[in-house]
C-alpha atoms as a PDB file:
ATOM      1  CA  MET A   1     100.452 244.255 214.613  1.00  0.00           C
ATOM      2  CA  ARG A   2     100.915 240.559 215.412  1.00  0.00           C
ATOM      3  CA  LYS A   3      97.758 238.640 215.777  1.00  0.00           C
ATOM      4  CA  ALA A   4      97.199 236.398 218.979  1.00  0.00           C
ATOM      5  CA  PHE A   5      95.358 235.605 221.959  1.00  0.00           C
ATOM      6  CA  LEU A   6      96.918 235.836 225.264  1.00  0.00           C
ATOM      7  CA  THR A   7      95.957 234.148 228.644  1.00  0.00           C
ATOM      8  CA  LEU A   8      96.157 235.942 232.018  1.00  0.00           C
ATOM      9  CA  LEU A   9      95.041 234.356 235.294  1.00  0.00           C
ATOM     10  CA  ALA A  10      92.417 235.328 237.764  1.00  0.00           C
ATOM     11  CA  VAL A  11      91.134 233.090 240.440  1.00  0.00           C
ATOM     12  CA  LEU A  12      87.465 233.013 241.498  1.00  0.00           C
ATOM     13  CA  ALA A  13      86.955 231.071 244.830  1.00  0.00           C
ATOM     14  CA  LEU A  14      83.504 229.796 245.431  1.00  0.00           C
ATOM     15  CA  THR A  15      82.105 227.899 248.507  1.00  0.00           C
ATOM     16  CA  ALA A  16      79.176 225.632 248.848  1.00  0.00           C
ATOM     17  CA  ALA A  17      75.766 227.042 249.799  1.00  0.00           C
ATOM     18  CA  GLY A  18      75.721 228.224 253.461  1.00  0.00           C
ATOM     19  CA  GLY A  19      79.568 228.760 253.299  1.00  0.00           C
ATOM     20  CA  ARG A  20      81.630 231.815 252.518  1.00  0.00           C
ATOM     21  CA  ALA A  21      83.168 232.610 249.211  1.00  0.00           C
ATOM     22  CA  TRP A  22      86.746 233.934 249.515  1.00  0.00           C
ATOM     23  CA  ALA A  23      89.387 235.732 247.546  1.00  0.00           C
ATOM     24  CA  GLN A  24      92.757 236.879 249.167  1.00  0.00           C
ATOM     25  CA  THR A  25      94.964 239.422 247.496  1.00  0.00           C
ATOM     26  CA  THR A  26      98.654 238.204 247.878  1.00  0.00           C
ATOM     27  CA  ALA A  27     100.928 241.125 248.507  1.00  0.00           C
ATOM     28  CA  SER A  28     104.305 241.173 246.674  1.00  0.00           C
ATOM     29  CA  ALA A  29     107.314 240.726 248.868  1.00  0.00           C
ATOM     30  CA  THR A  30     109.445 243.834 249.186  1.00  0.00           C
ATOM     31  CA  ALA A  31     112.811 242.023 250.000  1.00  0.00           C
ATOM     32  CA  ALA A  32     114.614 239.996 247.120  1.00  0.00           C
ATOM     33  CA  PRO A  33     114.291 236.231 247.632  1.00  0.00           C
ATOM     34  CA  ALA A  34     117.106 234.318 249.120  1.00  0.00           C
ATOM     35  CA  SER A  35     117.072 231.834 246.268  1.00  0.00           C
ATOM     36  CA  GLY A  36     115.691 231.757 242.691  1.00  0.00           C
ATOM     37  CA  PRO A  37     113.081 229.628 241.243  1.00  0.00           C
ATOM     38  CA  SER A  38     113.410 226.037 240.482  1.00  0.00           C
ATOM     39  CA  VAL A  39     113.514 225.663 236.701  1.00  0.00           C
ATOM     40  CA  VAL A  40     113.554 222.287 234.963  1.00  0.00           C
ATOM     41  CA  ASN A  41     113.943 221.653 231.210  1.00  0.00           C
ATOM     42  CA  ARG A  42     111.942 218.459 230.460  1.00  0.00           C
ATOM     43  CA  SER A  43     112.135 219.013 226.601  1.00  0.00           C
ATOM     44  CA  GLY A  44     115.843 218.364 226.380  1.00  0.00           C
ATOM     45  CA  ALA A  45     115.983 221.310 223.766  1.00  0.00           C
ATOM     46  CA  PRO A  46     118.928 223.657 224.257  1.00  0.00           C
ATOM     47  CA  VAL A  47     116.903 226.551 225.600  1.00  0.00           C
ATOM     48  CA  ASP A  48     118.068 229.007 228.186  1.00  0.00           C
ATOM     49  CA  VAL A  49     115.011 228.562 230.381  1.00  0.00           C
ATOM     50  CA  ASP A  50     116.497 230.645 233.249  1.00  0.00           C
ATOM     51  CA  ARG A  51     116.820 233.676 231.108  1.00  0.00           C
ATOM     52  CA  ILE A  52     113.290 233.205 229.879  1.00  0.00           C
ATOM     53  CA  ILE A  53     111.819 233.271 233.309  1.00  0.00           C
ATOM     54  CA  ARG A  54     113.945 236.231 234.474  1.00  0.00           C
ATOM     55  CA  THR A  55     112.850 238.078 231.359  1.00  0.00           C
ATOM     56  CA  LEU A  56     109.211 237.202 231.896  1.00  0.00           C
ATOM     57  CA  ALA A  57     109.313 238.354 235.498  1.00  0.00           C
ATOM     58  CA  GLN A  58     110.548 241.742 234.432  1.00  0.00           C
ATOM     59  CA  LYS A  59     107.964 241.966 231.550  1.00  0.00           C
ATOM     60  CA  GLU A  60     105.048 240.910 233.829  1.00  0.00           C
ATOM     61  CA  ALA A  61     106.235 243.620 236.394  1.00  0.00           C
ATOM     62  CA  GLU A  62     106.137 246.202 233.729  1.00  0.00           C
ATOM     63  CA  PHE A  63     102.592 245.052 232.581  1.00  0.00           C
ATOM     64  CA  ARG A  64     101.207 245.500 236.030  1.00  0.00           C
ATOM     65  CA  THR A  65     102.659 249.045 236.164  1.00  0.00           C
ATOM     66  CA  ALA A  66     101.220 249.866 232.804  1.00  0.00           C
ATOM     67  CA  LEU A  67      97.806 248.620 233.592  1.00  0.00           C
ATOM     68  CA  ASN A  68      97.685 251.551 236.266  1.00  0.00           C
ATOM     69  CA  ASN A  69      97.612 254.014 233.334  1.00  0.00           C
ATOM     70  CA  TYR A  70      94.389 252.619 231.682  1.00  0.00           C
ATOM     71  CA  SER A  71      90.803 252.488 232.346  1.00  0.00           C
ATOM     72  CA  PHE A  72      88.605 249.639 231.179  1.00  0.00           C
ATOM     73  CA  GLU A  73      85.323 248.045 231.277  1.00  0.00           C
ATOM     74  CA  ARG A  74      84.786 244.473 232.879  1.00  0.00           C
ATOM     75  CA  ASP A  75      81.669 242.351 232.471  1.00  0.00           C
ATOM     76  CA  ALA A  76      81.679 239.444 234.692  1.00  0.00           C
ATOM     77  CA  THR A  77      79.093 236.486 234.659  1.00  0.00           C
ATOM     78  CA  VAL A  78      79.038 233.555 237.012  1.00  0.00           C
ATOM     79  CA  GLN A  79      76.368 230.915 236.466  1.00  0.00           C
ATOM     80  CA  THR A  80      75.476 227.493 238.010  1.00  0.00           C
ATOM     81  CA  ILE A  81      74.324 224.929 235.598  1.00  0.00           C
ATOM     82  CA  GLY A  82      71.726 222.249 236.405  1.00  0.00           C
ATOM     83  CA  MET A  83      71.454 218.590 235.439  1.00  0.00           C
ATOM     84  CA  GLY A  84      69.924 219.319 232.001  1.00  0.00           C
ATOM     85  CA  GLY A  85      72.459 221.932 231.171  1.00  0.00           C
ATOM     86  CA  GLN A  86      70.033 224.830 231.981  1.00  0.00           C
ATOM     87  CA  VAL A  87      71.180 227.872 233.850  1.00  0.00           C
ATOM     88  CA  SER A  88      69.986 227.463 237.392  1.00  0.00           C
ATOM     89  CA  GLY A  89      71.469 230.685 238.865  1.00  0.00           C
ATOM     90  CA  GLU A  90      73.485 233.809 237.688  1.00  0.00           C
ATOM     91  CA  TYR A  91      75.561 236.502 238.995  1.00  0.00           C
ATOM     92  CA  ARG A  92      76.486 239.517 236.781  1.00  0.00           C
ATOM     93  CA  ARG A  93      78.345 242.574 237.454  1.00  0.00           C
ATOM     94  CA  VAL A  94      79.428 245.219 234.779  1.00  0.00           C
ATOM     95  CA  SER A  95      81.834 247.833 236.021  1.00  0.00           C
ATOM     96  CA  ARG A  96      84.216 250.469 234.865  1.00  0.00           C
ATOM     97  CA  PHE A  97      87.640 250.634 236.310  1.00  0.00           C
ATOM     98  CA  VAL A  98      90.130 253.389 236.742  1.00  0.00           C
ATOM     99  CA  PHE A  99      93.285 253.875 238.832  1.00  0.00           C
ATOM    100  CA  ASP A 100      94.854 256.690 240.527  1.00  0.00           C
ATOM    101  CA  ASP A 101      98.524 257.744 240.766  1.00  0.00           C
ATOM    102  CA  THR A 102      99.244 255.378 243.632  1.00  0.00           C
ATOM    103  CA  GLY A 103      97.732 252.338 241.802  1.00  0.00           C
ATOM    104  CA  ARG A 104      94.524 252.161 243.775  1.00  0.00           C
ATOM    105  CA  ARG A 105      91.592 251.022 241.720  1.00  0.00           C
ATOM    106  CA  PHE A 106      88.213 252.742 241.626  1.00  0.00           C
ATOM    107  CA  GLU A 107      85.130 250.823 240.418  1.00  0.00           C
ATOM    108  CA  LYS A 108      82.021 252.386 238.935  1.00  0.00           C
ATOM    109  CA  ILE A 109      79.271 249.786 238.780  1.00  0.00           C
ATOM    110  CA  THR A 110      77.028 250.266 235.586  1.00  0.00           C
ATOM    111  CA  PHE A 111      75.001 247.051 235.637  1.00  0.00           C
ATOM    112  CA  PHE A 112      74.363 244.800 238.710  1.00  0.00           C
ATOM    113  CA  PRO A 113      71.031 242.860 238.696  1.00  0.00           C
ATOM    114  CA  VAL A 114      70.086 240.896 241.802  1.00  0.00           C
ATOM    115  CA  SER A 115      71.917 237.450 241.953  1.00  0.00           C
ATOM    116  CA  THR A 116      69.804 234.342 241.451  1.00  0.00           C
ATOM    117  CA  LEU A 117      72.616 231.967 242.569  1.00  0.00           C
ATOM    118  CA  SER A 118      71.586 229.418 245.336  1.00  0.00           C
ATOM    119  CA  ALA A 119      73.984 226.442 245.132  1.00  0.00           C
ATOM    120  CA  ILE A 120      77.025 228.787 245.800  1.00  0.00           C
ATOM    121  CA  SER A 121      77.627 232.145 247.341  1.00  0.00           C
ATOM    122  CA  ILE A 122      80.032 234.968 246.152  1.00  0.00           C
ATOM    123  CA  THR A 123      81.205 238.065 247.884  1.00  0.00           C
ATOM    124  CA  PRO A 124      82.464 241.133 245.961  1.00  0.00           C
ATOM    125  CA  GLU A 125      86.121 240.213 247.131  1.00  0.00           C
ATOM    126  CA  ASP A 126      85.728 237.106 244.861  1.00  0.00           C
ATOM    127  CA  LEU A 127      85.833 239.438 241.813  1.00  0.00           C
ATOM    128  CA  GLU A 128      88.806 241.401 242.925  1.00  0.00           C
ATOM    129  CA  ASP A 129      91.213 239.514 240.769  1.00  0.00           C
ATOM    130  CA  LEU A 130      89.039 239.605 237.747  1.00  0.00           C
ATOM    131  CA  GLY A 131      89.630 243.475 237.717  1.00  0.00           C
ATOM    132  CA  GLY A 132      92.975 242.986 236.254  1.00  0.00           C
ATOM    133  CA  VAL A 133      94.978 244.031 239.303  1.00  0.00           C
ATOM    134  CA  GLN A 134      95.961 240.908 241.014  1.00  0.00           C
ATOM    135  CA  VAL A 135      96.568 238.757 237.774  1.00  0.00           C
ATOM    136  CA  PHE A 136      99.037 236.016 237.613  1.00  0.00           C
ATOM    137  CA  ALA A 137     101.828 238.417 236.888  1.00  0.00           C
ATOM    138  CA  LEU A 138     105.282 236.988 237.686  1.00  0.00           C
ATOM    139  CA  GLU A 139     107.576 239.455 239.619  1.00  0.00           C
ATOM    140  CA  THR A 140     111.312 238.870 240.626  1.00  0.00           C
ATOM    141  CA  ALA A 141     110.340 238.808 244.297  1.00  0.00           C
ATOM    142  CA  LYS A 142     107.833 235.946 243.735  1.00  0.00           C
ATOM    143  CA  LEU A 143     109.796 233.767 241.567  1.00  0.00           C
ATOM    144  CA  HIS A 144     111.244 231.683 244.395  1.00  0.00           C
ATOM    145  CA  GLU A 145     107.637 230.660 245.309  1.00  0.00           C
ATOM    146  CA  TYR A 146     107.164 228.528 242.173  1.00  0.00           C
ATOM    147  CA  ASP A 147     108.716 225.592 240.334  1.00  0.00           C
ATOM    148  CA  PHE A 148     108.894 225.928 236.392  1.00  0.00           C
ATOM    149  CA  SER A 149     109.147 222.938 234.295  1.00  0.00           C
ATOM    150  CA  PHE A 150     109.804 223.815 230.692  1.00  0.00           C
ATOM    151  CA  VAL A 151     107.790 221.471 228.428  1.00  0.00           C
ATOM    152  CA  GLY A 152     108.911 222.706 224.841  1.00  0.00           C
ATOM    153  CA  LYS A 153     107.727 225.052 222.291  1.00  0.00           C
ATOM    154  CA  GLU A 154     104.315 225.287 220.511  1.00  0.00           C
ATOM    155  CA  ARG A 155     102.943 227.454 217.638  1.00  0.00           C
ATOM    156  CA  ILE A 156      99.439 229.133 218.079  1.00  0.00           C
ATOM    157  CA  ASP A 157      98.233 231.367 215.210  1.00  0.00           C
ATOM    158  CA  ASP A 158     101.434 233.219 214.182  1.00  0.00           C
ATOM    159  CA  LEU A 159     103.138 233.158 217.697  1.00  0.00           C
ATOM    160  CA  ASP A 160     105.968 230.752 218.834  1.00  0.00           C
ATOM    161  CA  LEU A 161     105.460 230.165 222.457  1.00  0.00           C
ATOM    162  CA  TYR A 162     107.405 228.667 225.312  1.00  0.00           C
ATOM    163  CA  VAL A 163     105.304 226.275 227.351  1.00  0.00           C
ATOM    164  CA  PHE A 164     105.904 225.847 231.063  1.00  0.00           C
ATOM    165  CA  ASP A 165     104.241 223.938 233.770  1.00  0.00           C
ATOM    166  CA  VAL A 166     103.934 225.969 236.946  1.00  0.00           C
ATOM    167  CA  THR A 167     103.727 224.587 240.331  1.00  0.00           C
ATOM    168  CA  PRO A 168     103.859 226.605 243.732  1.00  0.00           C
ATOM    169  CA  LYS A 169     106.356 225.094 246.061  1.00  0.00           C
ATOM    170  CA  VAL A 170     103.908 225.167 248.907  1.00  0.00           C
ATOM    171  CA  MET A 171     102.097 222.270 247.478  1.00  0.00           C
ATOM    172  CA  SER A 172     105.013 220.018 248.443  1.00  0.00           C
ATOM    173  CA  ASP A 173     105.217 221.536 251.990  1.00  0.00           C
ATOM    174  CA  ALA A 174     102.748 219.779 254.170  1.00  0.00           C
ATOM    175  CA  ARG A 175     103.680 221.957 257.111  1.00  0.00           C
ATOM    176  CA  ARG A 176     103.026 225.078 255.097  1.00  0.00           C
ATOM    177  CA  ILE A 177      99.688 223.897 253.813  1.00  0.00           C
ATOM    178  CA  LYS A 178      98.671 223.361 257.552  1.00  0.00           C
ATOM    179  CA  GLN A 179      99.668 226.874 258.412  1.00  0.00           C
ATOM    180  CA  ILE A 180      97.581 228.167 255.528  1.00  0.00           C
ATOM    181  CA  GLU A 181      94.540 226.210 256.478  1.00  0.00           C
ATOM    182  CA  LYS A 182      94.667 227.742 260.002  1.00  0.00           C
ATOM    183  CA  SER A 183      95.141 231.286 258.609  1.00  0.00           C
ATOM    184  CA  LYS A 184      92.103 233.640 258.647  1.00  0.00           C
ATOM    185  CA  THR A 185      93.371 234.986 255.327  1.00  0.00           C
ATOM    186  CA  PRO A 186      94.850 231.946 253.704  1.00  0.00           C
ATOM    187  CA  GLU A 187      97.166 232.562 250.673  1.00  0.00           C
ATOM    188  CA  ARG A 188      96.481 230.998 247.428  1.00  0.00           C
ATOM    189  CA  TYR A 189      98.654 230.255 244.386  1.00  0.00           C
ATOM    190  CA  PHE A 190      98.218 229.394 240.684  1.00  0.00           C
ATOM    191  CA  GLN A 191      98.896 225.891 239.380  1.00  0.00           C
ATOM    192  CA  GLY A 192      98.770 224.979 235.867  1.00  0.00           C
ATOM    193  CA  ARG A 193     100.398 225.708 232.537  1.00  0.00           C
ATOM    194  CA  ILE A 194     101.529 228.831 230.918  1.00  0.00           C
ATOM    195  CA  TRP A 195     102.383 229.862 227.240  1.00  0.00           C
ATOM    196  CA  VAL A 196     104.983 232.592 226.951  1.00  0.00           C
ATOM    197  CA  ASP A 197     105.578 234.660 223.622  1.00  0.00           C
ATOM    198  CA  ASP A 198     109.177 234.086 222.526  1.00  0.00           C
ATOM    199  CA  LYS A 199     109.604 237.752 221.374  1.00  0.00           C
ATOM    200  CA  ASP A 200     107.632 239.848 223.923  1.00  0.00           C
ATOM    201  CA  PHE A 201     108.248 237.361 226.840  1.00  0.00           C
ATOM    202  CA  GLN A 202     104.865 237.835 228.152  1.00  0.00           C
ATOM    203  CA  ILE A 203     102.224 235.265 229.180  1.00  0.00           C
ATOM    204  CA  VAL A 204     100.294 234.523 226.218  1.00  0.00           C
ATOM    205  CA  LYS A 205      98.166 231.670 227.387  1.00  0.00           C
ATOM    206  CA  ALA A 206      97.534 229.985 230.666  1.00  0.00           C
ATOM    207  CA  ARG A 207      95.170 227.256 231.974  1.00  0.00           C
ATOM    208  CA  GLY A 208      95.031 226.429 235.646  1.00  0.00           C
ATOM    209  CA  LYS A 209      93.383 226.906 239.037  1.00  0.00           C
ATOM    210  CA  GLY A 210      93.912 228.189 242.459  1.00  0.00           C
ATOM    211  CA  VAL A 211      95.559 226.131 245.241  1.00  0.00           C
ATOM    212  CA  PRO A 212      95.459 224.877 247.856  1.00  0.00           C
ATOM    213  CA  GLU A 213      91.688 224.479 248.357  1.00  0.00           C
ATOM    214  CA  VAL A 214      91.130 225.109 252.025  1.00  0.00           C
ATOM    215  CA  GLY A 215      87.944 224.043 254.031  1.00  0.00           C
ATOM    216  CA  GLN A 216      85.000 224.656 251.754  1.00  0.00           C
ATOM    217  CA  GLN A 217      87.086 226.603 249.060  1.00  0.00           C
ATOM    218  CA  ARG A 218      86.777 225.261 245.680  1.00  0.00           C
ATOM    219  CA  PHE A 219      88.333 226.822 242.534  1.00  0.00           C
ATOM    220  CA  PRO A 220      87.340 226.269 239.079  1.00  0.00           C
ATOM    221  CA  THR A 221      89.861 225.685 236.259  1.00  0.00           C
ATOM    222  CA  PHE A 222      89.871 228.634 233.811  1.00  0.00           C
ATOM    223  CA  GLU A 223      91.625 230.218 231.035  1.00  0.00           C
ATOM    224  CA  THR A 224      92.101 233.947 230.391  1.00  0.00           C
ATOM    225  CA  TYR A 225      93.155 235.582 227.055  1.00  0.00           C
ATOM    226  CA  ARG A 226      94.987 238.736 226.479  1.00  0.00           C
ATOM    227  CA  GLU A 227      95.323 240.976 223.402  1.00  0.00           C
ATOM    228  CA  ASN A 228      98.008 243.554 222.519  1.00  0.00           C
ATOM    229  CA  ILE A 229      97.068 247.083 223.407  1.00  0.00           C
ATOM    230  CA  ASP A 230      99.027 250.052 222.072  1.00  0.00           C
ATOM    231  CA  GLY A 231     101.403 247.740 220.528  1.00  0.00           C
ATOM    232  CA  ARG A 232     103.416 246.965 223.630  1.00  0.00           C
ATOM    233  CA  PHE A 233     101.533 245.097 226.383  1.00  0.00           C
ATOM    234  CA  TRP A 234      99.040 242.328 226.341  1.00  0.00           C
ATOM    235  CA  PHE A 235      96.046 243.122 228.531  1.00  0.00           C
ATOM    236  CA  PRO A 236      93.187 240.629 229.493  1.00  0.00           C
ATOM    237  CA  THR A 237      90.206 240.431 227.208  1.00  0.00           C
ATOM    238  CA  TYR A 238      88.619 237.245 228.127  1.00  0.00           C
ATOM    239  CA  THR A 239      88.390 234.700 230.971  1.00  0.00           C
ATOM    240  CA  TYR A 240      86.313 231.385 230.686  1.00  0.00           C
ATOM    241  CA  ALA A 241      85.759 228.464 232.964  1.00  0.00           C
ATOM    242  CA  ASP A 242      83.299 225.596 232.805  1.00  0.00           C
ATOM    243  CA  ASP A 243      84.021 223.178 235.725  1.00  0.00           C
ATOM    244  CA  GLU A 244      82.346 220.852 238.302  1.00  0.00           C
ATOM    245  CA  LEU A 245      83.262 221.756 241.906  1.00  0.00           C
ATOM    246  CA  VAL A 246      83.119 218.882 244.383  1.00  0.00           C
ATOM    247  CA  PHE A 247      82.751 219.989 248.070  1.00  0.00           C
ATOM    248  CA  LYS A 248      83.559 217.985 251.054  1.00  0.00           C
ATOM    249  CA  SER A 249      79.839 217.383 251.709  1.00  0.00           C
ATOM    250  CA  GLY A 250      79.666 215.510 248.429  1.00  0.00           C
ATOM    251  CA  GLN A 251      77.741 218.382 246.832  1.00  0.00           C
ATOM    252  CA  VAL A 252      78.667 218.811 243.181  1.00  0.00           C
ATOM    253  CA  VAL A 253      78.183 222.121 241.618  1.00  0.00           C
ATOM    254  CA  ARG A 254      78.723 222.855 237.862  1.00  0.00           C
ATOM    255  CA  VAL A 255      79.912 226.418 237.589  1.00  0.00           C
ATOM    256  CA  ARG A 256      80.302 228.431 234.337  1.00  0.00           C
ATOM    257  CA  MET A 257      82.294 231.721 234.417  1.00  0.00           C
ATOM    258  CA  ARG A 258      82.749 234.231 231.708  1.00  0.00           C
ATOM    259  CA  VAL A 259      84.445 237.595 232.048  1.00  0.00           C
ATOM    260  CA  THR A 260      85.317 240.100 229.327  1.00  0.00           C
ATOM    261  CA  TYR A 261      87.567 243.233 229.549  1.00  0.00           C
ATOM    262  CA  LYS A 262      87.125 245.939 226.754  1.00  0.00           C
ATOM    263  CA  ASP A 263      87.396 249.628 225.959  1.00  0.00           C
ATOM    264  CA  PHE A 264      91.046 250.150 227.368  1.00  0.00           C
ATOM    265  CA  GLN A 265      91.578 253.732 227.319  1.00  0.00           C
ATOM    266  CA  ARG A 266      94.953 255.295 228.183  1.00  0.00           C
ATOM    267  CA  LEU A 267      94.690 258.001 230.930  1.00  0.00           C
ATOM    268  CA  ARG A 268      96.344 261.286 229.932  1.00  0.00           C
ATOM    269  CA  GLY A 269      97.006 263.794 232.522  1.00  0.00           C
ATOM    270  CA  LYS A 270      96.879 267.662 232.085  1.00  0.00           C
ATOM    271  CA  ALA A 271      99.298 270.181 233.692  1.00  0.00           C
ATOM    272  CA  ARG A 272      99.107 273.939 233.977  1.00  0.00           C
ATOM    273  CA  ILE A 273     100.834 276.711 235.896  1.00  0.00           C
ATOM    274  CA  ILE A 274      98.374 278.785 237.751  1.00  0.00           C
ATOM    275  CA  GLU A 275      98.632 281.920 239.850  1.00  0.00           C
ATOM    276  CA  GLU A 276      97.854 281.679 243.621  1.00  0.00           C
ATOM    277  CA  GLY A 277      94.206 282.032 244.147  1.00  0.00           C
ATOM    278  CA  ASP A 278      93.386 280.609 240.722  1.00  0.00           C
ATOM    279  CA  PRO A 279      90.515 277.939 241.264  1.00  0.00           C
ATOM    280  CA  GLY A 280      92.265 275.844 238.610  1.00  0.00           C
ATOM    281  CA  ILE A 281      91.240 274.319 235.305  1.00  0.00           C
ATOM    282  CA  ASP A 282      88.926 271.629 236.795  1.00  0.00           C
ATOM    283  CA  ALA A 283      87.561 273.580 239.731  1.00  0.00           C
ATOM    284  CA  PRO A 284      83.863 274.370 239.886  1.00  0.00           C
ATOM    285  CA  ALA A 285      82.824 277.821 238.923  1.00  0.00           C
ATOM    286  CA  ASP A 286      81.207 278.546 242.259  1.00  0.00           C
ATOM    287  CA  GLY A 287      84.441 278.160 244.033  1.00  0.00           C
ATOM    288  CA  SER A 288      83.617 274.998 245.851  1.00  0.00           C
ATOM    289  CA  PRO A 289      86.285 272.278 246.302  1.00  0.00           C
ATOM    290  CA  VAL A 290      87.082 270.074 243.553  1.00  0.00           C
ATOM    291  CA  PRO A 291      85.324 266.769 244.055  1.00  0.00           C
ATOM    292  CA  GLN A 292      87.737 263.783 244.543  1.00  0.00           C
ATOM    293  CA  PRO A 293      87.164 260.280 243.237  1.00  0.00           C
ATOM    294  CA  THR A 294      86.026 257.733 245.931  1.00  0.00           C
ATOM    295  CA  PRO A 295      85.899 253.983 245.661  1.00  0.00           C
ATOM    296  CA  ALA A 296      82.635 252.602 244.539  1.00  0.00           C
ATOM    297  CA  PRO A 297      80.988 250.779 247.325  1.00  0.00           C
ATOM    298  CA  SER A 298      80.885 246.883 246.776  1.00  0.00           C
ATOM    299  CA  PRO A 299      77.483 245.684 247.441  1.00  0.00           C
ATOM    300  CA  ARG A 300      77.078 241.949 248.574  1.00  0.00           C
ATOM    301  CA  PRO A 301      74.522 240.078 246.639  1.00  0.00           C
ATOM    302  CA  LYS A 302      72.136 237.819 248.427  1.00  0.00           C
ATOM    303  CA  PRO A 303      72.590 234.194 247.484  1.00  0.00           C
END
């Protein structure tokens, strides 16, 4: 197995105290884009950057599908840091995640103490992306929404990596930004840098933040790392951010975020042919209906 750390993106939106934290899931387009992504080679090296991006999009789409076949644990901690470097507030949530056949996620919260945050507020929706579902995974239908600038190659540990700067096209469209600002569920995009493995063509490192920042939304700059699971796909294992968020009011809040993903277990189904009237292999002995999984409630911590 090749040794490496990989970066995957997740966005946590934070608002100033008294405001509302926000996270919006961006649905994938179902129709093929009318035009491809804008790709620029700044390095001058003879590299087929268009092929790299196309292959990356395919691999990242496969990764999202593969993730539905695994359960895992996520331990998320968000802290505010005071003037002296001490922790002034903390939000922590430890959960186990599993997916059904349709890709719906079910969460079982195993540890969720009362939040002590006061300078910022967080809603359960702000942690949705950290579950590994809405990661920065490039899909063919989404490529046209980004500009890719090839920077060059870099070697980290024993990996040779392609490096790209990624910018959402919306950031150069003032009219579109105004539409987003007026929307009740504003879209957000990733802006930053990604490192792509030159053999697996999956994102191996990324550093950036969510844009645009609308109203009181503020997004920390973060990094997320992946590791190879089952010898094929690179799954998230660690996300970290330590950033100062400057709000329109002039308030400055230092935020530290740490999220770990571990204990990935592949879900293996069982099948059996049964006679009519047979309660089934997993049915209760008393003949009562087989209990079905239901999504865990998402409690809203008090700021």
